[in-house]
Amino acid sequence: MKELLKTLFNKYNISYSEDMIEKLDLFYNIVVEENKKFNLTAITEKYDFAVKHILDCAMVFSVINKDAKIIDVGAGAGFPSIVLKIIRPDLNFTMLDSLNKRVKFLNETVDKLQLANIKAYHDRAEDFANKHREEYDIAIARAVAPLNTLSEYCLPLVKVNGNFIAMKGSAFNDEIKIAQNAINLLGGKIASIQTISIAEMEGERANIVIEKNNKTPQKYPRGKNLPRLKPLC
């Protein structure tokens, strides 16, 4: 895994240290071992894990400001938060997940990797957003929900002039069209779209950067799972 990561990072101009490579390798081994106990990811083979999880997450680092306070909504097994924290130690992360088993895994993994200023919390996104409105410089989400639903989860958490970064697959243009009105309603505006072509993966990917220009109306996010059941359109 270590040499594979070095090869990939060199190819895509991602700076790294030996300590970062060691920690990413350890992270891979921790995930694979814990995956035997409960489902964290379907991707466990070294090459696929390095490309589809670590490299894919690492590619977003260039659109994140130094020392940013970030919340990873739907953190899952720690993609992108733990990967980004290893590559960018300056970042301060909150990881949010609705499954307590994953939260326990995330906090134990952070301890094993000896990472500072990163912690996981167990809560629903809409409940956490109502308790921590506009506290974060950046909200980020990867493979969680359609963009209109994600925007309702994430934009209330972001400070005015902060950003929500949605990491999306090849259907990102269709998602943007559907979510445009919701993004505007929630106080956001699409600032940039970082398209990514990874030769080792099929299809183009994108990091959609949504700038928050105005406060999110107090009634959002809605409770009772409405962002998923009845997405804004």
Foldseek 3Di string as FASTA:
>chain_A
DLVLLVVLCVVVVQDDDPLLSVLVVVLLVLQLVCCVVPNQDPDNPVNCCSVVALVLQSVCLVVDDFLWEEEEEQCRQNVPNVSNCSSRVSYAYEYEHQDPVSQVSVQVSCVVSVRPRYHYDHDHLFVVLLVQFQPGLEYEYEPDAQPLLVLLSGLRNHHQQGKYKYKFFQCVVVSCVVNVVSQVQQQKDFDDWAWDDDPVDPGIIIITIIHRHDHGPSCTPPDPCCCPVPGDD
